[in-house]
């Protein structure tokens, strides 16, 4: 049983990103080697050569994109700010904890964090994904790799996972505050004339058909944010970052912007609802590529809400979840609750703590 008076390792799961232009290709290779993302017949034979081929072909274009945002991903520096702020809050609460960053596809990677915790004299571990909405492609992948590495390295310490937190009150408060701050950039424009475009990272529809609760989680976050914000603006949820030929969640961000522009909508606020840390998909994909498209198709003002990064209320959200895991034994009920409210959807099956 976990308690608040033991030495605790808190592990923040995040995607990771290349820390130099030279790291882009190996980062992409690690991404396409992930069995949770590239699972197909004979994958055990073909995954490595395909990952090498795809990463080699894509890396020149991706390198050019990174050149436009500082020649590297800012995700590690921003995650360090989150980890440092969380660590300080936990110390203030009298919790003996150390916060680690465990990236999925680039350094510091999960295997190294497992090694460090193993020799660190920790009594218990809490895993927190920096993905509020659960998907097998994000949280599930990190948990799978964590389990592989702990088994391989013989780390056997009581561990609890924060599965998801799409409707945590402090997360919602942080998002509402960020939206309100971003809306102030629209001077002399009525909120009724501003479109709130919630953009989430897409996933293949096949994940949803297999019971992934990701779409339900996103819709819940958007619903509660809109209820709290009480804006007069219209809103829409769309998806971005599609790769490969598979069918992904729709509508896409670019299709949404195209439709809004065609219908005469002139003022757009893009809200990256699933990204808690700015990186290439907010700073380049949205703020450069989609912005350019919007402005050349009649949009007059295009604004991007920053990701939460180290927003104080988001840090309070993370702190509260650590404390809850240390003081309560209840597991995640979000997936089950949302399924019962949306019985026309596939029953969630992938949440690691969901017990149908």
Protein backbone atom coordinates (compact mmCIF):
# COMPACT_ATOMS: atom_id res chain seq x y z
CA UNK A 1 0.00 0.00 0.00
CA UNK A 2 1.27 3.47 -0.90
CA UNK A 3 1.47 6.10 1.84
CA UNK A 4 2.44 9.77 1.97
CA UNK A 5 5.36 9.27 4.36
CA UNK A 6 7.50 7.01 2.16
CA UNK A 7 10.16 7.96 -0.38
CA UNK A 8 8.25 8.33 -3.63
CA UNK A 9 9.35 8.42 -7.26
CA UNK A 10 6.88 10.36 -9.40
CA UNK A 11 7.32 9.61 -13.11
CA UNK A 12 5.95 11.95 -15.77
CA UNK A 13 5.33 10.16 -19.08
CA UNK A 14 5.70 12.29 -22.21
CA UNK A 15 6.27 11.77 -25.91
CA UNK A 16 9.73 13.32 -26.16
CA UNK A 17 11.26 15.17 -29.07
CA UNK A 18 14.60 15.53 -30.86
CA UNK A 19 17.07 17.77 -29.05
CA UNK A 20 19.00 18.54 -32.25
CA UNK A 21 18.52 18.28 -36.00
CA UNK A 22 20.74 15.20 -35.98
CA UNK A 23 18.37 13.53 -33.51
CA UNK A 24 15.34 13.84 -35.81
CA UNK A 25 15.90 10.60 -37.75
CA UNK A 26 16.64 8.37 -34.71
CA UNK A 27 13.67 9.95 -32.91
CA UNK A 28 11.40 9.05 -35.84
CA UNK A 29 12.92 5.56 -35.95
CA UNK A 30 12.02 5.03 -32.29
CA UNK A 31 8.52 6.32 -32.96
CA UNK A 32 7.86 3.94 -35.85
CA UNK A 33 9.39 1.04 -33.92
CA UNK A 34 6.69 1.32 -31.24
CA UNK A 35 4.59 -1.88 -31.38
CA UNK A 36 1.58 0.04 -30.03
CA UNK A 37 1.67 2.25 -33.13
CA UNK A 38 2.78 -0.19 -35.82
CA UNK A 39 0.96 -3.43 -35.22
CA UNK A 40 0.14 -5.43 -38.34
CA UNK A 41 0.58 -8.98 -39.67
CA UNK A 42 4.26 -10.03 -39.65
CA UNK A 43 5.14 -6.82 -37.81
CA UNK A 44 7.79 -8.67 -35.81
CA UNK A 45 9.67 -9.21 -39.09
CA UNK A 46 8.91 -6.00 -40.95
CA UNK A 47 8.70 -3.34 -38.25
CA UNK A 48 12.42 -2.54 -38.07
CA UNK A 49 13.13 -2.24 -41.83
CA UNK A 50 9.92 -0.22 -42.29
CA UNK A 51 10.83 2.09 -39.40
CA UNK A 52 14.25 2.63 -40.91
CA UNK A 53 12.79 3.34 -44.34
CA UNK A 54 10.07 5.72 -43.13
CA UNK A 55 12.31 7.64 -40.72
CA UNK A 56 14.94 8.05 -43.43
CA UNK A 57 12.42 9.39 -45.93
CA UNK A 58 10.60 11.70 -43.52
CA UNK A 59 13.56 13.15 -41.64
CA UNK A 60 14.64 15.85 -44.18
CA UNK A 61 11.17 17.43 -44.20
CA UNK A 62 10.80 17.13 -40.43
CA UNK A 63 14.26 18.66 -39.94
CA UNK A 64 13.17 21.66 -42.00
CA UNK A 65 10.12 22.04 -39.79
CA UNK A 66 12.26 22.00 -36.66
CA UNK A 67 14.56 24.65 -38.14
CA UNK A 68 11.59 27.02 -38.05
CA UNK A 69 11.00 26.53 -34.30
CA UNK A 70 14.58 26.70 -33.02
CA UNK A 71 16.24 23.62 -34.57
CA UNK A 72 15.03 21.32 -31.80
CA UNK A 73 11.96 20.38 -29.81
CA UNK A 74 11.24 22.52 -26.73
CA UNK A 75 9.37 19.65 -25.09
CA UNK A 76 12.15 18.57 -22.70
CA UNK A 77 12.80 22.08 -21.37
CA UNK A 78 9.09 22.68 -20.89
CA UNK A 79 8.57 19.29 -19.23
CA UNK A 80 11.47 20.07 -16.90
CA UNK A 81 9.64 23.23 -15.84
CA UNK A 82 6.54 21.13 -15.13
CA UNK A 83 8.55 18.56 -13.19
CA UNK A 84 10.36 21.22 -11.15
CA UNK A 85 7.11 23.00 -10.28
CA UNK A 86 5.46 19.70 -9.32
CA UNK A 87 8.44 18.72 -7.18
CA UNK A 88 8.27 22.06 -5.32
CA UNK A 89 4.54 21.65 -4.66
CA UNK A 90 5.00 18.13 -3.32
CA UNK A 91 7.77 19.30 -0.97
CA UNK A 92 5.47 22.06 0.29
CA UNK A 93 2.91 19.36 1.04
CA UNK A 94 5.49 17.49 3.12
CA UNK A 95 5.78 14.62 0.64
CA UNK A 96 9.19 13.02 0.24
CA UNK A 97 9.18 12.74 -3.53
CA UNK A 98 11.42 13.15 -6.54
CA UNK A 99 9.91 13.81 -9.97
CA UNK A 100 11.38 12.03 -13.00
CA UNK A 101 10.74 12.64 -16.70
CA UNK A 102 10.36 9.52 -18.84
CA UNK A 103 10.11 10.19 -22.57
CA UNK A 104 8.79 7.53 -24.92
CA UNK A 105 10.88 8.18 -28.03
CA UNK A 106 13.85 10.31 -27.00
CA UNK A 107 16.01 11.04 -24.00
CA UNK A 108 15.55 10.79 -21.06
CA UNK A 109 13.92 7.49 -22.02
CA UNK A 110 12.00 5.04 -19.88
CA UNK A 111 14.77 2.44 -19.60
CA UNK A 112 17.16 4.98 -18.07
CA UNK A 113 14.56 6.23 -15.60
CA UNK A 114 13.84 2.67 -14.47
CA UNK A 115 17.57 2.15 -13.87
CA UNK A 116 17.84 5.37 -11.87
CA UNK A 117 14.84 4.58 -9.69
CA UNK A 118 16.10 1.04 -9.07
CA UNK A 119 19.26 2.32 -7.35
CA UNK A 120 17.60 5.34 -5.73
CA UNK A 121 16.19 3.70 -2.63
CA UNK A 122 12.56 4.53 -3.42
CA UNK A 123 9.72 2.81 -1.59
CA UNK A 124 6.93 3.48 -4.11
CA UNK A 125 6.25 4.86 -7.57
CA UNK A 126 3.46 6.96 -9.07
CA UNK A 127 3.15 7.15 -12.85
CA UNK A 128 1.49 10.24 -14.36
CA UNK A 129 1.03 10.56 -18.13
CA UNK A 130 1.17 14.09 -19.48
CA UNK A 131 -1.76 12.99 -21.62
CA UNK A 132 -4.99 13.91 -19.79
CA UNK A 133 -7.07 11.80 -22.18
CA UNK A 134 -6.16 8.11 -22.25
CA UNK A 135 -5.25 6.34 -25.49
CA UNK A 136 -3.39 3.13 -26.10
CA UNK A 137 -1.24 5.12 -28.55
CA UNK A 138 0.04 7.45 -25.81
CA UNK A 139 -0.45 6.45 -22.18
CA UNK A 140 -0.90 2.79 -23.11
CA UNK A 141 2.34 2.75 -25.07
CA UNK A 142 4.30 4.32 -22.20
CA UNK A 143 2.80 1.92 -19.67
CA UNK A 144 3.64 -1.06 -21.90
CA UNK A 145 7.26 0.10 -22.25
CA UNK A 146 7.46 0.79 -18.52
CA UNK A 147 6.29 -2.75 -17.78
CA UNK A 148 8.78 -4.22 -20.26
CA UNK A 149 11.66 -2.30 -18.72
CA UNK A 150 10.76 -2.97 -15.07
CA UNK A 151 10.53 -6.68 -15.84
CA UNK A 152 13.81 -6.64 -17.74
CA UNK A 153 15.66 -4.71 -15.02
CA UNK A 154 14.01 -6.42 -12.06
CA UNK A 155 12.41 -3.31 -10.56
CA UNK A 156 9.71 -4.49 -8.16
CA UNK A 157 8.39 -1.53 -6.16
CA UNK A 158 4.71 -0.80 -5.37
CA UNK A 159 3.46 1.30 -8.29
CA UNK A 160 0.23 3.11 -9.06
CA UNK A 161 -0.82 4.72 -12.33
CA UNK A 162 -2.86 7.85 -12.90
CA UNK A 163 -4.77 6.52 -15.88
CA UNK A 164 -6.40 9.72 -17.11
CA UNK A 165 -7.78 13.04 -15.95
CA UNK A 166 -9.86 14.54 -18.78
CA UNK A 167 -12.26 16.26 -16.36
CA UNK A 168 -10.03 17.11 -13.41
CA UNK A 169 -11.29 20.47 -12.03
CA UNK A 170 -7.84 22.07 -11.97
CA UNK A 171 -7.11 20.98 -15.54
CA UNK A 172 -10.39 22.53 -16.64
CA UNK A 173 -9.70 25.74 -14.72
CA UNK A 174 -6.26 26.04 -16.31
CA UNK A 175 -7.72 25.57 -19.79
CA UNK A 176 -10.47 28.13 -19.22
CA UNK A 177 -7.92 30.66 -17.96
CA UNK A 178 -5.69 30.07 -20.99
CA UNK A 179 -8.64 30.48 -23.36
CA UNK A 180 -9.77 33.69 -21.65
CA UNK A 181 -6.26 35.12 -21.83
CA UNK A 182 -6.00 34.20 -25.52
CA UNK A 183 -9.38 35.79 -26.28
CA UNK A 184 -8.04 39.18 -25.14
CA UNK A 185 -5.94 39.26 -28.33
CA UNK A 186 -9.15 39.74 -30.33
CA UNK A 187 -9.52 43.48 -29.80
CA UNK A 188 -12.80 45.07 -30.84
CA UNK A 189 -14.24 41.67 -31.75
CA UNK A 190 -17.34 40.29 -30.10
CA UNK A 191 -16.96 36.80 -28.66
CA UNK A 192 -19.96 35.79 -30.77
CA UNK A 193 -17.81 36.42 -33.84
CA UNK A 194 -14.90 34.26 -32.64
CA UNK A 195 -14.78 30.54 -33.36
CA UNK A 196 -13.20 28.29 -30.72
CA UNK A 197 -11.49 25.49 -32.63
CA UNK A 198 -10.50 22.66 -30.28
CA UNK A 199 -7.74 20.63 -31.91
CA UNK A 200 -6.77 17.20 -30.61
CA UNK A 201 -4.11 14.81 -31.82
CA UNK A 202 -5.84 12.28 -34.02
CA UNK A 203 -5.64 8.50 -33.85
CA UNK A 204 -6.78 5.81 -36.29
CA UNK A 205 -10.49 4.98 -36.11
CA UNK A 206 -9.51 1.33 -35.60
CA UNK A 207 -8.35 2.22 -32.07
CA UNK A 208 -11.80 3.59 -31.22
CA UNK A 209 -13.49 0.54 -32.74
CA UNK A 210 -11.41 -1.66 -30.43
CA UNK A 211 -12.63 0.24 -27.38
CA UNK A 212 -10.06 3.02 -26.94
CA UNK A 213 -11.76 5.70 -24.76
CA UNK A 214 -9.70 8.59 -26.20
CA UNK A 215 -12.49 10.21 -28.21
CA UNK A 216 -14.91 10.06 -25.28
CA UNK A 217 -12.29 11.65 -23.03
CA UNK A 218 -11.65 14.52 -25.45
CA UNK A 219 -15.35 15.20 -25.90
CA UNK A 220 -15.74 15.25 -22.11
CA UNK A 221 -12.91 17.77 -21.72
CA UNK A 222 -14.36 20.05 -24.40
CA UNK A 223 -17.88 19.78 -22.98
CA UNK A 224 -16.80 20.72 -19.47
CA UNK A 225 -14.50 23.52 -20.64
CA UNK A 226 -17.35 25.06 -22.62
CA UNK A 227 -19.72 24.75 -19.65
CA UNK A 228 -17.24 26.49 -17.36
CA UNK A 229 -16.23 29.17 -19.86
CA UNK A 230 -19.77 30.30 -20.67
CA UNK A 231 -18.55 31.97 -23.87
CA UNK A 232 -20.93 33.12 -26.57
CA UNK A 233 -18.53 31.82 -29.20
CA UNK A 234 -19.36 28.80 -31.36
CA UNK A 235 -16.99 25.87 -31.04
CA UNK A 236 -15.94 22.75 -32.90
CA UNK A 237 -13.72 19.76 -32.13
CA UNK A 238 -11.32 18.53 -34.81
CA UNK A 239 -8.16 16.42 -35.11
CA UNK A 240 -4.65 16.89 -36.44
CA UNK A 241 -1.32 15.18 -37.21
CA UNK A 242 -2.60 12.32 -39.37
CA UNK A 243 0.05 10.07 -40.90
CA UNK A 244 -0.31 6.99 -43.08
CA UNK A 245 -3.21 5.72 -45.20
CA UNK A 246 -5.52 4.54 -42.39
CA UNK A 247 -8.81 6.25 -41.58
CA UNK A 248 -8.34 8.66 -38.67
CA UNK A 249 -10.74 10.60 -36.49
CA UNK A 250 -12.43 13.47 -38.32
CA UNK A 251 -12.90 16.27 -39.11
CA UNK A 252 -9.27 17.24 -39.56
CA UNK A 253 -8.01 20.63 -38.41
CA UNK A 254 -7.15 21.75 -41.93
CA UNK A 255 -10.59 20.67 -43.24
CA UNK A 256 -12.24 22.55 -40.40
CA UNK A 257 -10.31 25.75 -41.07
CA UNK A 258 -11.08 25.44 -44.78
CA UNK A 259 -14.81 25.08 -44.10
CA UNK A 260 -14.90 27.97 -41.62
CA UNK A 261 -13.03 30.22 -44.04
CA UNK A 262 -15.35 29.25 -46.89
CA UNK A 263 -18.37 30.11 -44.73
CA UNK A 264 -16.95 33.55 -43.99
CA UNK A 265 -15.66 33.04 -40.46
CA UNK A 266 -12.88 35.58 -39.88
CA UNK A 267 -11.65 35.12 -36.30
CA UNK A 268 -10.32 31.74 -35.12
CA UNK A 269 -8.81 30.72 -31.80
CA UNK A 270 -7.13 27.31 -32.03
CA UNK A 271 -7.12 25.46 -28.71
CA UNK A 272 -4.75 22.45 -28.53
CA UNK A 273 -6.98 20.57 -26.12
CA UNK A 274 -4.87 17.40 -25.76
CA UNK A 275 -1.41 18.98 -25.67
CA UNK A 276 -0.22 20.10 -22.22
CA UNK A 277 3.25 21.01 -23.52
CA UNK A 278 4.08 23.04 -26.60
CA UNK A 279 6.05 21.18 -29.26
CA UNK A 280 6.23 20.81 -33.02
CA UNK A 281 2.53 19.99 -33.43
CA UNK A 282 1.49 23.27 -31.83
CA UNK A 283 4.40 25.52 -32.76
CA UNK A 284 4.82 24.39 -36.38
CA UNK A 285 1.82 22.40 -37.54
CA UNK A 286 -0.74 24.82 -36.10
CA UNK A 287 1.08 28.10 -35.71
CA UNK A 288 2.93 28.03 -39.05
CA UNK A 289 1.31 25.60 -41.50
CA UNK A 290 -2.36 25.93 -40.54
CA UNK A 291 -1.98 29.66 -39.84
CA UNK A 292 -0.54 30.23 -43.32
CA UNK A 293 -3.40 28.28 -44.87
CA UNK A 294 -6.03 30.18 -42.88
CA UNK A 295 -4.66 33.62 -43.65
CA UNK A 296 -4.48 32.91 -47.38
CA UNK A 297 -8.10 31.70 -47.40
CA UNK A 298 -9.76 34.74 -45.93
CA UNK A 299 -9.31 34.41 -42.16
CA UNK A 300 -8.55 37.82 -40.71
CA UNK A 301 -7.24 36.85 -37.27
CA UNK A 302 -5.80 33.46 -36.36
CA UNK A 303 -4.64 32.90 -32.78
CA UNK A 304 -3.13 29.88 -31.04
CA UNK A 305 -3.74 29.26 -27.36
CA UNK A 306 -0.45 28.22 -25.73
CA UNK A 307 -0.34 24.76 -24.19
CA UNK A 308 -0.66 24.68 -20.42
CA UNK A 309 3.06 24.08 -19.87
CA UNK A 310 3.73 25.07 -16.21
CA UNK A 311 0.43 26.89 -15.64
CA UNK A 312 0.01 27.01 -11.83
CA UNK A 313 -3.41 25.33 -11.90
CA UNK A 314 -2.15 22.53 -14.12
CA UNK A 315 0.64 21.94 -11.59
CA UNK A 316 -2.02 21.90 -8.88
CA UNK A 317 -3.83 19.26 -10.94
CA UNK A 318 -0.72 17.07 -11.06
CA UNK A 319 -0.07 17.62 -7.35
CA UNK A 320 -3.61 16.67 -6.41
CA UNK A 321 -3.37 13.43 -8.40
CA UNK A 322 -0.16 12.43 -6.62
CA UNK A 323 -1.77 13.10 -3.24
CA UNK A 324 -4.89 11.15 -4.23
CA UNK A 325 -2.79 8.14 -5.20
CA UNK A 326 -0.89 8.32 -1.90
CA UNK A 327 -3.95 8.64 0.29
CA UNK A 328 -6.75 6.77 -1.49
CA UNK A 329 -7.07 3.30 -2.96
CA UNK A 330 -9.85 4.02 -5.45
CA UNK A 331 -8.89 3.37 -9.07
CA UNK A 332 -9.91 5.20 -12.22
CA UNK A 333 -13.65 5.21 -12.92
CA UNK A 334 -13.63 7.81 -15.71
CA UNK A 335 -13.76 5.32 -18.58
CA UNK A 336 -16.64 3.36 -17.08
CA UNK A 337 -18.61 6.51 -16.21
CA UNK A 338 -18.25 8.00 -19.69
CA UNK A 339 -19.17 4.72 -21.34
CA UNK A 340 -22.37 4.47 -19.30
CA UNK A 341 -23.25 8.02 -20.41
CA UNK A 342 -22.54 7.19 -24.06
CA UNK A 343 -23.92 3.70 -24.55
CA UNK A 344 -23.95 4.01 -28.33
CA UNK A 345 -20.13 3.94 -28.31
CA UNK A 346 -17.83 0.95 -28.14
CA UNK A 347 -17.21 -0.11 -24.58
CA UNK A 348 -13.73 1.03 -23.43
CA UNK A 349 -11.36 -1.92 -23.18
CA UNK A 350 -7.88 -0.47 -23.23
CA UNK A 351 -7.71 1.62 -20.06
CA UNK A 352 -5.19 -0.22 -17.82
CA UNK A 353 -7.41 0.26 -14.76
CA UNK A 354 -10.81 -0.22 -16.37
CA UNK A 355 -12.60 -3.27 -15.00
CA UNK A 356 -15.73 -4.07 -17.10
